């Protein structure tokens, strides 16, 4: 059974399945295959210490404590700059997601990470009526409970609803004036050494 999340705005609640939009299906993809002289397909591998060949999947990342022991991420605790524990951001699947209306400027400052399509069984038309007025809604997206969530926006294209996730950026305003200056090429004055004297002939 697919997991569902509940979204709420102004007393209207919807339950939706979030289906990630595969970028490959939108933009397509290409791959390069390499074969050796025996027409056997080659695989990418890494070279460690100059003599060990490590095929894909041979390496992994682990976290170690001061004793060199492997530590599970579940056992780690997040701390703030003062060394105090911080609360985790809940998953969107764990509780009702409260939406707030956002501005177009907020949405346009989003550095997009992922796109999800919302599959809604009930009240879809009611929610579309709200979104199709041009409104955009903000919420914090977290697929699973973690210490940091992504910024996310809900919007529609007329008949479908999408959640756009990523991180908000803070662009620097430099002004409205055009500060670009024209490059002026200076004429080089001829010197006496450059003058051509016909008397020499």
N, C-alpha and C. Protein backbone atom coordinates (compact mmCIF):
# COMPACT_ATOMS: atom_id res chain seq x y z
N UNK A 1 0.84 -1.19 0.00
CA UNK A 1 0.00 0.00 0.00
C UNK A 1 0.88 1.25 0.00
N UNK A 2 0.58 2.19 -0.88
CA UNK A 2 1.38 3.41 -0.99
C UNK A 2 1.17 4.32 0.22
N UNK A 3 2.25 4.97 0.63
CA UNK A 3 2.17 5.90 1.76
C UNK A 3 1.49 7.19 1.30
N UNK A 4 0.74 7.79 2.18
CA UNK A 4 0.03 9.03 1.86
C UNK A 4 0.33 10.09 2.91
N UNK A 5 0.24 11.34 2.49
CA UNK A 5 0.43 12.47 3.38
C UNK A 5 -0.83 13.32 3.38
N UNK A 6 -1.11 13.96 4.50
CA UNK A 6 -2.29 14.81 4.62
C UNK A 6 -1.87 16.28 4.62
N UNK A 7 -2.50 17.07 3.76
CA UNK A 7 -2.22 18.51 3.66
C UNK A 7 -3.47 19.27 4.06
N UNK A 8 -3.27 20.39 4.77
CA UNK A 8 -4.40 21.17 5.25
C UNK A 8 -4.17 22.66 5.02
N UNK A 9 -5.22 23.34 4.52
CA UNK A 9 -5.18 24.79 4.34
C UNK A 9 -6.58 25.35 4.50
N UNK A 10 -6.74 26.30 5.41
CA UNK A 10 -8.02 26.99 5.64
C UNK A 10 -9.18 26.02 5.84
N UNK A 11 -8.94 24.95 6.62
CA UNK A 11 -9.98 24.00 6.92
C UNK A 11 -10.19 22.92 5.88
N UNK A 12 -9.52 23.03 4.73
CA UNK A 12 -9.62 22.03 3.68
C UNK A 12 -8.45 21.06 3.80
N UNK A 13 -8.77 19.77 3.94
CA UNK A 13 -7.73 18.76 4.08
C UNK A 13 -7.83 17.76 2.93
N UNK A 14 -6.67 17.37 2.42
CA UNK A 14 -6.62 16.35 1.37
C UNK A 14 -5.58 15.32 1.75
N UNK A 15 -5.80 14.09 1.31
CA UNK A 15 -4.84 13.02 1.51
C UNK A 15 -4.29 12.65 0.13
N UNK A 16 -2.97 12.62 0.00
CA UNK A 16 -2.37 12.43 -1.31
C UNK A 16 -1.17 11.51 -1.25
N UNK A 17 -0.98 10.78 -2.33
CA UNK A 17 0.24 10.01 -2.53
C UNK A 17 1.22 10.86 -3.31
N UNK A 18 2.46 10.94 -2.84
CA UNK A 18 3.48 11.74 -3.51
C UNK A 18 4.31 10.83 -4.41
N UNK A 19 4.16 11.02 -5.70
CA UNK A 19 4.89 10.20 -6.67
C UNK A 19 5.97 11.05 -7.32
N UNK A 20 7.23 10.65 -7.14
CA UNK A 20 8.34 11.44 -7.66
C UNK A 20 8.35 11.43 -9.18
N UNK A 21 8.52 12.59 -9.77
CA UNK A 21 8.58 12.72 -11.22
C UNK A 21 9.98 12.38 -11.67
N UNK A 22 10.10 11.36 -12.49
CA UNK A 22 11.40 10.90 -12.96
C UNK A 22 11.90 11.84 -14.06
N UNK A 23 13.03 12.48 -13.82
CA UNK A 23 13.59 13.41 -14.80
C UNK A 23 13.91 12.72 -16.13
N UNK A 24 14.24 11.43 -16.06
CA UNK A 24 14.55 10.71 -17.29
C UNK A 24 13.35 10.64 -18.22
N UNK A 25 12.14 10.53 -17.63
CA UNK A 25 10.95 10.44 -18.45
C UNK A 25 10.64 11.79 -19.12
N UNK A 26 11.12 12.86 -18.53
CA UNK A 26 10.87 14.20 -19.07
C UNK A 26 11.92 14.57 -20.11
N UNK A 27 13.20 14.41 -19.75
CA UNK A 27 14.28 14.88 -20.59
C UNK A 27 14.96 13.76 -21.38
N UNK A 28 14.66 12.50 -21.04
CA UNK A 28 15.36 11.40 -21.68
C UNK A 28 16.75 11.23 -21.08
N UNK A 29 17.51 10.25 -21.60
CA UNK A 29 18.86 10.03 -21.10
C UNK A 29 19.68 9.30 -22.15
N UNK A 30 20.95 9.31 -21.94
CA UNK A 30 21.86 8.60 -22.84
C UNK A 30 22.89 7.86 -22.00
N UNK A 31 23.43 6.80 -22.56
CA UNK A 31 24.44 6.04 -21.86
C UNK A 31 25.54 5.64 -22.85
N UNK A 32 26.74 5.47 -22.34
CA UNK A 32 27.88 5.08 -23.16
C UNK A 32 28.34 3.69 -22.73
N UNK A 33 28.42 2.79 -23.67
CA UNK A 33 28.88 1.44 -23.39
C UNK A 33 30.22 1.21 -24.07
N UNK A 34 31.14 0.59 -23.34
CA UNK A 34 32.49 0.35 -23.85
C UNK A 34 32.74 -1.16 -23.89
N UNK A 35 33.32 -1.62 -24.99
CA UNK A 35 33.60 -3.05 -25.15
C UNK A 35 35.09 -3.23 -25.45
N UNK A 36 35.62 -4.36 -25.01
CA UNK A 36 37.04 -4.65 -25.27
C UNK A 36 37.21 -5.34 -26.62
N UNK A 37 38.43 -5.79 -26.89
CA UNK A 37 38.71 -6.40 -28.19
C UNK A 37 37.99 -7.73 -28.40
N UNK A 38 37.51 -8.35 -27.29
CA UNK A 38 36.76 -9.61 -27.39
C UNK A 38 35.25 -9.37 -27.40
N UNK A 39 34.86 -8.11 -27.57
CA UNK A 39 33.45 -7.71 -27.60
C UNK A 39 32.74 -7.97 -26.27
N UNK A 40 33.50 -7.96 -25.18
CA UNK A 40 32.93 -8.08 -23.84
C UNK A 40 32.69 -6.68 -23.27
N UNK A 41 31.57 -6.50 -22.61
CA UNK A 41 31.22 -5.19 -22.07
C UNK A 41 32.10 -4.85 -20.88
N UNK A 42 32.65 -3.65 -20.89
CA UNK A 42 33.53 -3.20 -19.82
C UNK A 42 32.72 -2.56 -18.69
N UNK A 43 33.25 -2.68 -17.48
CA UNK A 43 32.63 -2.08 -16.31
C UNK A 43 33.60 -1.09 -15.68
N UNK A 44 33.03 -0.02 -15.09
CA UNK A 44 33.86 0.99 -14.44
C UNK A 44 34.36 0.45 -13.10
N UNK A 45 35.63 0.68 -12.81
CA UNK A 45 36.21 0.26 -11.53
C UNK A 45 37.22 1.32 -11.09
N UNK A 46 37.48 1.33 -9.80
CA UNK A 46 38.46 2.25 -9.25
C UNK A 46 39.75 1.52 -8.91
N UNK A 47 40.83 2.27 -8.86
CA UNK A 47 42.13 1.70 -8.53
C UNK A 47 42.57 2.25 -7.19
N UNK A 48 42.76 1.36 -6.21
CA UNK A 48 43.16 1.77 -4.86
C UNK A 48 44.58 1.32 -4.57
N UNK A 49 45.36 2.24 -4.02
CA UNK A 49 46.75 1.97 -3.63
C UNK A 49 47.57 1.45 -4.79
N UNK A 50 47.15 1.76 -6.00
CA UNK A 50 47.93 1.41 -7.17
C UNK A 50 47.87 -0.03 -7.61
N UNK A 51 47.16 -0.90 -6.86
CA UNK A 51 47.16 -2.31 -7.25
C UNK A 51 45.83 -3.02 -7.03
N UNK A 52 44.91 -2.39 -6.30
CA UNK A 52 43.64 -3.06 -6.01
C UNK A 52 42.54 -2.48 -6.91
N UNK A 53 41.89 -3.35 -7.67
CA UNK A 53 40.79 -2.94 -8.54
C UNK A 53 39.48 -3.12 -7.79
N UNK A 54 38.72 -2.02 -7.65
CA UNK A 54 37.48 -2.05 -6.90
C UNK A 54 36.31 -1.74 -7.83
N UNK A 55 35.53 -2.75 -8.23
CA UNK A 55 34.36 -2.51 -9.10
C UNK A 55 33.30 -1.69 -8.38
N UNK A 56 32.34 -1.20 -9.15
CA UNK A 56 31.26 -0.41 -8.57
C UNK A 56 30.54 -1.21 -7.49
N UNK A 57 30.29 -0.57 -6.34
CA UNK A 57 29.63 -1.25 -5.22
C UNK A 57 30.59 -1.81 -4.19
N UNK A 58 31.87 -1.66 -4.43
CA UNK A 58 32.86 -2.24 -3.51
C UNK A 58 33.16 -1.32 -2.32
N UNK A 59 32.80 -0.05 -2.43
CA UNK A 59 33.12 0.89 -1.36
C UNK A 59 31.84 1.46 -0.74
N UNK A 60 31.96 1.97 0.46
CA UNK A 60 30.82 2.55 1.16
C UNK A 60 31.32 3.59 2.15
N UNK A 61 30.41 4.43 2.61
CA UNK A 61 30.74 5.45 3.60
C UNK A 61 30.20 5.02 4.96
N UNK A 62 31.02 5.13 5.98
CA UNK A 62 30.59 4.82 7.35
C UNK A 62 31.03 5.95 8.27
N UNK A 63 30.38 6.04 9.41
CA UNK A 63 30.73 7.02 10.43
C UNK A 63 31.38 6.30 11.59
N UNK A 64 32.54 6.80 12.04
CA UNK A 64 33.28 6.18 13.12
C UNK A 64 33.35 7.11 14.32
N UNK A 65 33.36 6.51 15.51
CA UNK A 65 33.55 7.31 16.72
C UNK A 65 35.04 7.45 17.01
N UNK A 66 35.38 8.03 18.15
CA UNK A 66 36.80 8.26 18.49
C UNK A 66 37.57 6.97 18.71
N UNK A 67 36.83 5.85 18.95
CA UNK A 67 37.48 4.56 19.14
C UNK A 67 37.61 3.78 17.84
N UNK A 68 37.13 4.37 16.72
CA UNK A 68 37.20 3.68 15.44
C UNK A 68 36.06 2.71 15.23
N UNK A 69 35.02 2.78 16.05
CA UNK A 69 33.87 1.88 15.93
C UNK A 69 32.82 2.50 15.02
N UNK A 70 32.13 1.65 14.25
CA UNK A 70 31.08 2.11 13.35
C UNK A 70 29.89 2.59 14.17
N UNK A 71 29.36 3.78 13.82
CA UNK A 71 28.22 4.35 14.52
C UNK A 71 27.05 4.46 13.55
N UNK A 72 25.89 3.95 13.94
CA UNK A 72 24.69 4.04 13.12
C UNK A 72 24.14 5.46 13.18
N UNK A 73 23.58 5.92 12.05
CA UNK A 73 22.99 7.26 12.02
C UNK A 73 21.83 7.38 12.99
N UNK A 74 21.16 6.27 13.28
CA UNK A 74 20.04 6.31 14.22
C UNK A 74 20.49 6.65 15.63
N UNK A 75 21.76 6.36 15.93
CA UNK A 75 22.29 6.62 17.27
C UNK A 75 22.90 8.01 17.41
N UNK A 76 23.00 8.75 16.31
CA UNK A 76 23.62 10.07 16.35
C UNK A 76 22.60 11.13 16.75
N UNK A 77 23.06 12.16 17.42
CA UNK A 77 22.19 13.24 17.91
C UNK A 77 22.67 14.57 17.32
N UNK A 78 21.73 15.35 16.78
CA UNK A 78 22.08 16.65 16.23
C UNK A 78 22.25 17.70 17.31
N UNK A 79 23.25 18.55 17.16
CA UNK A 79 23.53 19.61 18.12
C UNK A 79 23.59 20.94 17.40
N UNK A 80 23.20 22.02 18.11
CA UNK A 80 23.30 23.34 17.52
C UNK A 80 24.68 23.93 17.79
N UNK A 81 24.87 25.21 17.44
CA UNK A 81 26.18 25.85 17.60
C UNK A 81 26.63 25.91 19.05
N UNK A 82 25.66 25.86 19.98
CA UNK A 82 25.99 25.91 21.42
C UNK A 82 26.15 24.53 22.03
N UNK A 83 26.04 23.49 21.21
CA UNK A 83 26.18 22.14 21.71
C UNK A 83 24.93 21.56 22.32
N UNK A 84 23.79 22.21 22.12
CA UNK A 84 22.53 21.72 22.68
C UNK A 84 21.79 20.87 21.64
N UNK A 85 21.13 19.80 22.08
CA UNK A 85 20.40 18.93 21.14
C UNK A 85 19.29 19.70 20.43
N UNK A 86 19.07 19.37 19.17
CA UNK A 86 18.01 20.00 18.38
C UNK A 86 16.97 18.96 18.03
N UNK A 87 15.75 19.42 17.85
CA UNK A 87 14.65 18.52 17.52
C UNK A 87 14.70 18.12 16.05
N UNK A 88 14.23 16.93 15.77
CA UNK A 88 14.17 16.46 14.40
C UNK A 88 12.94 17.03 13.70
N UNK A 89 13.06 17.20 12.38
CA UNK A 89 11.93 17.63 11.57
C UNK A 89 11.14 16.39 11.19
N UNK A 90 9.85 16.33 11.53
CA UNK A 90 9.08 15.10 11.26
C UNK A 90 8.88 14.87 9.77
N UNK A 91 8.60 13.64 9.41
CA UNK A 91 8.29 13.29 8.03
C UNK A 91 6.90 13.82 7.66
N UNK A 92 6.71 14.13 6.39
CA UNK A 92 5.40 14.60 5.94
C UNK A 92 4.34 13.51 6.08
N UNK A 93 4.79 12.28 6.26
CA UNK A 93 3.86 11.16 6.41
C UNK A 93 3.45 10.93 7.86
N UNK A 94 4.11 11.62 8.79
CA UNK A 94 3.86 11.35 10.21
C UNK A 94 2.78 12.23 10.82
N UNK A 95 2.51 13.38 10.21
CA UNK A 95 1.49 14.27 10.77
C UNK A 95 0.93 15.17 9.68
N UNK A 96 -0.17 15.84 9.98
CA UNK A 96 -0.80 16.72 8.99
C UNK A 96 0.13 17.88 8.65
N UNK A 97 0.31 18.12 7.37
CA UNK A 97 1.17 19.21 6.90
C UNK A 97 0.32 20.47 6.77
N UNK A 98 0.66 21.48 7.56
CA UNK A 98 -0.06 22.75 7.52
C UNK A 98 0.58 23.65 6.45
N UNK A 99 -0.21 24.06 5.49
CA UNK A 99 0.27 24.89 4.40
C UNK A 99 0.08 26.37 4.71
N UNK A 100 0.97 27.19 4.19
CA UNK A 100 0.79 28.64 4.27
C UNK A 100 0.96 29.22 2.88
N UNK A 101 0.23 30.28 2.60
CA UNK A 101 0.31 30.89 1.28
C UNK A 101 1.68 31.55 1.09
N UNK A 102 2.26 31.35 -0.08
CA UNK A 102 3.59 31.88 -0.37
C UNK A 102 3.50 32.87 -1.52
N UNK A 103 4.57 33.62 -1.71
CA UNK A 103 4.63 34.58 -2.80
C UNK A 103 5.36 33.98 -3.99
N UNK A 104 5.16 34.59 -5.15
CA UNK A 104 5.85 34.13 -6.35
C UNK A 104 7.36 34.32 -6.19
N UNK A 105 7.77 35.42 -5.54
CA UNK A 105 9.20 35.66 -5.33
C UNK A 105 9.84 34.55 -4.51
N UNK A 106 9.12 34.06 -3.49
CA UNK A 106 9.65 32.97 -2.68
C UNK A 106 9.86 31.73 -3.56
N UNK A 107 8.86 31.42 -4.36
CA UNK A 107 8.94 30.23 -5.20
C UNK A 107 10.08 30.34 -6.22
N UNK A 108 10.25 31.51 -6.80
CA UNK A 108 11.28 31.70 -7.82
C UNK A 108 12.69 31.68 -7.24
N UNK A 109 12.81 31.83 -5.92
CA UNK A 109 14.13 31.78 -5.28
C UNK A 109 14.49 30.36 -4.84
N UNK A 110 13.65 29.38 -5.22
CA UNK A 110 13.90 28.00 -4.82
C UNK A 110 14.91 27.34 -5.76
N UNK A 111 15.92 26.73 -5.18
CA UNK A 111 16.85 25.90 -5.94
C UNK A 111 16.27 24.49 -5.94
N UNK A 112 15.70 24.08 -7.07
CA UNK A 112 14.89 22.86 -7.12
C UNK A 112 15.74 21.60 -6.96
N UNK A 113 15.24 20.70 -6.14
CA UNK A 113 15.89 19.42 -5.88
C UNK A 113 15.09 18.27 -6.48
N UNK A 114 13.79 18.23 -6.20
CA UNK A 114 12.93 17.15 -6.69
C UNK A 114 11.53 17.68 -6.96
N UNK A 115 10.81 16.94 -7.81
CA UNK A 115 9.42 17.28 -8.13
C UNK A 115 8.55 16.05 -7.88
N UNK A 116 7.45 16.25 -7.18
CA UNK A 116 6.52 15.17 -6.89
C UNK A 116 5.13 15.54 -7.43
N UNK A 117 4.44 14.55 -7.98
CA UNK A 117 3.06 14.75 -8.39
C UNK A 117 2.16 14.16 -7.31
N UNK A 118 1.12 14.91 -6.94
CA UNK A 118 0.20 14.46 -5.90
C UNK A 118 -0.96 13.70 -6.54
N UNK A 119 -1.13 12.45 -6.13
CA UNK A 119 -2.28 11.66 -6.56
C UNK A 119 -3.32 11.71 -5.45
N UNK A 120 -4.43 12.38 -5.73
CA UNK A 120 -5.46 12.62 -4.72
C UNK A 120 -6.72 11.88 -5.10
N UNK A 121 -7.25 11.12 -4.14
CA UNK A 121 -8.46 10.34 -4.40
C UNK A 121 -9.73 11.15 -4.15
N UNK A 122 -9.72 12.01 -3.14
CA UNK A 122 -10.91 12.78 -2.77
C UNK A 122 -10.57 14.26 -2.62
N UNK A 123 -11.56 15.08 -2.92
CA UNK A 123 -11.47 16.56 -2.76
C UNK A 123 -10.42 17.19 -3.66
N UNK A 124 -10.02 16.48 -4.71
CA UNK A 124 -9.02 17.04 -5.61
C UNK A 124 -9.54 18.30 -6.30
N UNK A 125 -10.77 18.26 -6.77
CA UNK A 125 -11.33 19.42 -7.47
C UNK A 125 -11.43 20.62 -6.57
N UNK A 126 -11.78 20.40 -5.29
CA UNK A 126 -11.87 21.51 -4.33
C UNK A 126 -10.50 22.16 -4.14
N UNK A 127 -9.47 21.34 -4.06
CA UNK A 127 -8.13 21.88 -3.85
C UNK A 127 -7.61 22.54 -5.12
N UNK A 128 -7.97 21.98 -6.29
CA UNK A 128 -7.56 22.58 -7.55
C UNK A 128 -8.16 23.97 -7.72
N UNK A 129 -9.39 24.15 -7.26
CA UNK A 129 -10.04 25.46 -7.37
C UNK A 129 -9.23 26.52 -6.64
N UNK A 130 -8.66 26.13 -5.51
CA UNK A 130 -7.84 27.08 -4.73
C UNK A 130 -6.53 27.37 -5.45
N UNK A 131 -5.87 26.33 -5.93
CA UNK A 131 -4.57 26.50 -6.59
C UNK A 131 -4.71 27.19 -7.95
N UNK A 132 -5.79 26.94 -8.65
CA UNK A 132 -5.96 27.50 -9.98
C UNK A 132 -6.27 28.99 -9.98
N UNK A 133 -6.43 29.56 -8.80
CA UNK A 133 -6.56 31.03 -8.71
C UNK A 133 -5.19 31.70 -8.77
N UNK A 134 -4.14 30.87 -8.87
CA UNK A 134 -2.78 31.42 -8.93
C UNK A 134 -2.06 31.35 -7.60
N UNK A 135 -2.68 30.75 -6.59
CA UNK A 135 -2.04 30.69 -5.28
C UNK A 135 -0.99 29.59 -5.23
N UNK A 136 0.05 29.85 -4.44
CA UNK A 136 1.13 28.89 -4.20
C UNK A 136 1.25 28.72 -2.69
N UNK A 137 1.44 27.48 -2.25
CA UNK A 137 1.51 27.21 -0.82
C UNK A 137 2.87 26.62 -0.45
N UNK A 138 3.37 27.05 0.71
CA UNK A 138 4.68 26.62 1.20
C UNK A 138 4.52 25.63 2.35
N UNK A 139 5.46 24.68 2.42
CA UNK A 139 5.55 23.78 3.57
C UNK A 139 6.97 23.22 3.64
N UNK A 140 7.29 22.57 4.74
CA UNK A 140 8.60 21.94 4.91
C UNK A 140 8.46 20.47 4.56
N UNK A 141 9.28 20.01 3.62
CA UNK A 141 9.21 18.63 3.15
C UNK A 141 10.33 17.81 3.75
N UNK A 142 9.96 16.66 4.29
CA UNK A 142 10.94 15.70 4.78
C UNK A 142 10.38 14.31 4.50
N UNK A 143 11.06 13.57 3.65
CA UNK A 143 10.56 12.23 3.32
C UNK A 143 10.58 11.33 4.55
N UNK A 144 11.65 11.41 5.32
CA UNK A 144 11.74 10.68 6.59
C UNK A 144 12.23 11.63 7.66
N UNK A 145 11.95 11.31 8.92
CA UNK A 145 12.34 12.18 10.03
C UNK A 145 13.84 12.42 10.01
N UNK A 146 14.21 13.69 10.07
CA UNK A 146 15.63 14.04 10.01
C UNK A 146 15.80 15.41 10.68
N UNK A 147 17.07 15.87 10.73
CA UNK A 147 17.33 17.13 11.40
C UNK A 147 17.14 18.34 10.51
N UNK A 148 16.98 18.14 9.23
CA UNK A 148 16.81 19.27 8.31
C UNK A 148 15.83 18.90 7.21
N UNK A 149 14.82 19.74 7.02
CA UNK A 149 13.85 19.51 5.96
C UNK A 149 14.11 20.40 4.76
N UNK A 150 13.49 20.07 3.66
CA UNK A 150 13.61 20.88 2.45
C UNK A 150 12.46 21.87 2.37
N UNK A 151 12.71 23.01 1.75
CA UNK A 151 11.63 23.94 1.44
C UNK A 151 10.82 23.35 0.30
N UNK A 152 9.51 23.54 0.33
CA UNK A 152 8.66 22.95 -0.70
C UNK A 152 7.46 23.84 -0.98
N UNK A 153 6.98 23.76 -2.22
CA UNK A 153 5.83 24.55 -2.64
C UNK A 153 4.83 23.66 -3.36
N UNK A 154 3.55 23.91 -3.12
CA UNK A 154 2.48 23.23 -3.84
C UNK A 154 1.91 24.18 -4.88
N UNK A 155 1.75 23.70 -6.10
CA UNK A 155 1.14 24.49 -7.16
C UNK A 155 0.51 23.55 -8.18
N UNK A 156 -0.24 24.11 -9.11
CA UNK A 156 -0.91 23.28 -10.10
C UNK A 156 -0.63 23.80 -11.50
N UNK A 157 -0.85 22.92 -12.50
CA UNK A 157 -0.73 23.33 -13.89
C UNK A 157 -2.10 23.38 -14.56
N UNK A 158 -3.13 23.41 -13.72
CA UNK A 158 -4.50 23.48 -14.23
C UNK A 158 -5.32 22.27 -13.87
N UNK A 159 -4.72 21.08 -14.03
CA UNK A 159 -5.46 19.86 -13.69
C UNK A 159 -4.65 18.87 -12.86
N UNK A 160 -3.38 19.19 -12.60
CA UNK A 160 -2.55 18.33 -11.75
C UNK A 160 -1.86 19.19 -10.70
N UNK A 161 -1.57 18.56 -9.57
CA UNK A 161 -0.94 19.27 -8.45
C UNK A 161 0.46 18.71 -8.24
N UNK A 162 1.40 19.61 -8.03
CA UNK A 162 2.80 19.21 -7.87
C UNK A 162 3.39 19.82 -6.60
N UNK A 163 4.33 19.09 -6.01
CA UNK A 163 5.12 19.58 -4.89
C UNK A 163 6.55 19.75 -5.40
N UNK A 164 7.07 20.96 -5.34
CA UNK A 164 8.42 21.26 -5.80
C UNK A 164 9.29 21.45 -4.56
N UNK A 165 10.33 20.63 -4.40
CA UNK A 165 11.16 20.69 -3.21
C UNK A 165 12.57 21.18 -3.55
N UNK A 166 13.25 21.71 -2.54
CA UNK A 166 14.60 22.21 -2.72
C UNK A 166 15.02 23.07 -1.55
N UNK A 167 15.86 24.06 -1.82
CA UNK A 167 16.33 24.97 -0.78
C UNK A 167 16.17 26.40 -1.27
N UNK A 168 15.62 27.25 -0.40
CA UNK A 168 15.47 28.66 -0.74
C UNK A 168 16.84 29.33 -0.76
N UNK A 169 17.06 30.16 -1.76
CA UNK A 169 18.30 30.92 -1.85
C UNK A 169 18.00 32.37 -1.54
N UNK A 170 19.04 33.13 -1.28
CA UNK A 170 18.89 34.56 -0.97
C UNK A 170 19.68 35.37 -1.98
N UNK A 171 19.07 35.63 -3.14
CA UNK A 171 19.80 36.41 -4.16
C UNK A 171 20.08 37.82 -3.68
N UNK A 172 21.22 38.33 -4.06
CA UNK A 172 21.64 39.68 -3.64
C UNK A 172 21.15 40.71 -4.65
N UNK A 173 20.44 41.71 -4.16
CA UNK A 173 19.93 42.77 -5.03
C UNK A 173 21.04 43.77 -5.30
N UNK A 174 21.37 43.98 -6.56
CA UNK A 174 22.48 44.86 -6.92
C UNK A 174 22.00 46.20 -7.47
N UNK A 175 20.69 46.35 -7.71
CA UNK A 175 20.17 47.63 -8.19
C UNK A 175 19.55 47.53 -9.56
N UNK A 176 18.89 48.61 -9.96
CA UNK A 176 18.21 48.66 -11.24
C UNK A 176 19.02 49.36 -12.31
N UNK A 177 20.07 50.06 -11.93
CA UNK A 177 20.85 50.81 -12.90
C UNK A 177 21.79 49.89 -13.66
N UNK A 178 22.01 50.25 -14.89
CA UNK A 178 22.94 49.50 -15.73
C UNK A 178 24.34 50.06 -15.50
N UNK A 179 25.14 49.27 -14.78
CA UNK A 179 26.49 49.74 -14.42
C UNK A 179 27.55 49.31 -15.43
N UNK A 180 27.08 48.70 -16.51
CA UNK A 180 28.03 48.26 -17.52
C UNK A 180 28.58 49.47 -18.26
N UNK A 181 29.88 49.54 -18.40
CA UNK A 181 30.53 50.68 -19.04
C UNK A 181 31.17 50.25 -20.35
N UNK A 182 31.09 51.15 -21.32
CA UNK A 182 31.65 50.86 -22.62
C UNK A 182 33.17 50.92 -22.55
N UNK A 183 33.79 49.93 -23.16
CA UNK A 183 35.25 49.89 -23.18
C UNK A 183 35.76 50.83 -24.27
N UNK A 184 36.47 51.83 -23.85
CA UNK A 184 36.99 52.82 -24.80
C UNK A 184 38.41 52.44 -25.20
N UNK A 185 38.61 52.30 -26.50
CA UNK A 185 39.94 51.96 -27.00
C UNK A 185 40.71 53.25 -27.24
N UNK A 186 41.82 53.39 -26.55
CA UNK A 186 42.61 54.61 -26.66
C UNK A 186 43.47 54.57 -27.92
N UNK A 187 43.48 55.68 -28.64
CA UNK A 187 44.33 55.78 -29.83
C UNK A 187 45.78 55.97 -29.40
N UNK A 188 46.65 55.20 -29.98
CA UNK A 188 48.07 55.34 -29.65
C UNK A 188 48.68 56.40 -30.56
N UNK A 189 49.34 57.35 -29.95
CA UNK A 189 49.96 58.42 -30.72
C UNK A 189 51.26 57.93 -31.35
N UNK A 190 51.44 58.30 -32.60
CA UNK A 190 52.67 57.91 -33.30
C UNK A 190 53.85 58.69 -32.77
N UNK A 191 54.96 58.04 -32.62
CA UNK A 191 56.18 58.71 -32.16
C UNK A 191 57.04 59.05 -33.36
N UNK A 192 58.09 59.79 -33.10
CA UNK A 192 59.00 60.18 -34.17
C UNK A 192 59.66 58.96 -34.81
N UNK A 193 59.84 57.92 -34.02
CA UNK A 193 60.49 56.74 -34.55
C UNK A 193 59.61 56.00 -35.55
N UNK A 194 58.29 56.22 -35.43
CA UNK A 194 57.36 55.53 -36.32
C UNK A 194 57.13 56.28 -37.63
N UNK A 195 57.57 57.55 -37.70
CA UNK A 195 57.32 58.32 -38.91
C UNK A 195 58.13 57.77 -40.09
N UNK A 196 57.50 57.78 -41.22
CA UNK A 196 58.17 57.27 -42.45
C UNK A 196 58.73 58.45 -43.20
N UNK A 197 60.01 58.43 -43.46
CA UNK A 197 60.69 59.53 -44.11
C UNK A 197 61.01 59.13 -45.55
N UNK A 198 60.33 59.77 -46.53
CA UNK A 198 60.56 59.44 -47.93
C UNK A 198 61.95 59.92 -48.40
N UNK A 199 62.56 60.82 -47.63
CA UNK A 199 63.86 61.36 -48.04
C UNK A 199 64.95 60.30 -47.99
N UNK A 200 64.67 59.23 -47.20
CA UNK A 200 65.70 58.20 -47.10
C UNK A 200 65.89 57.46 -48.42
N UNK A 201 64.93 57.57 -49.32
CA UNK A 201 65.11 56.94 -50.62
C UNK A 201 65.77 57.90 -51.59
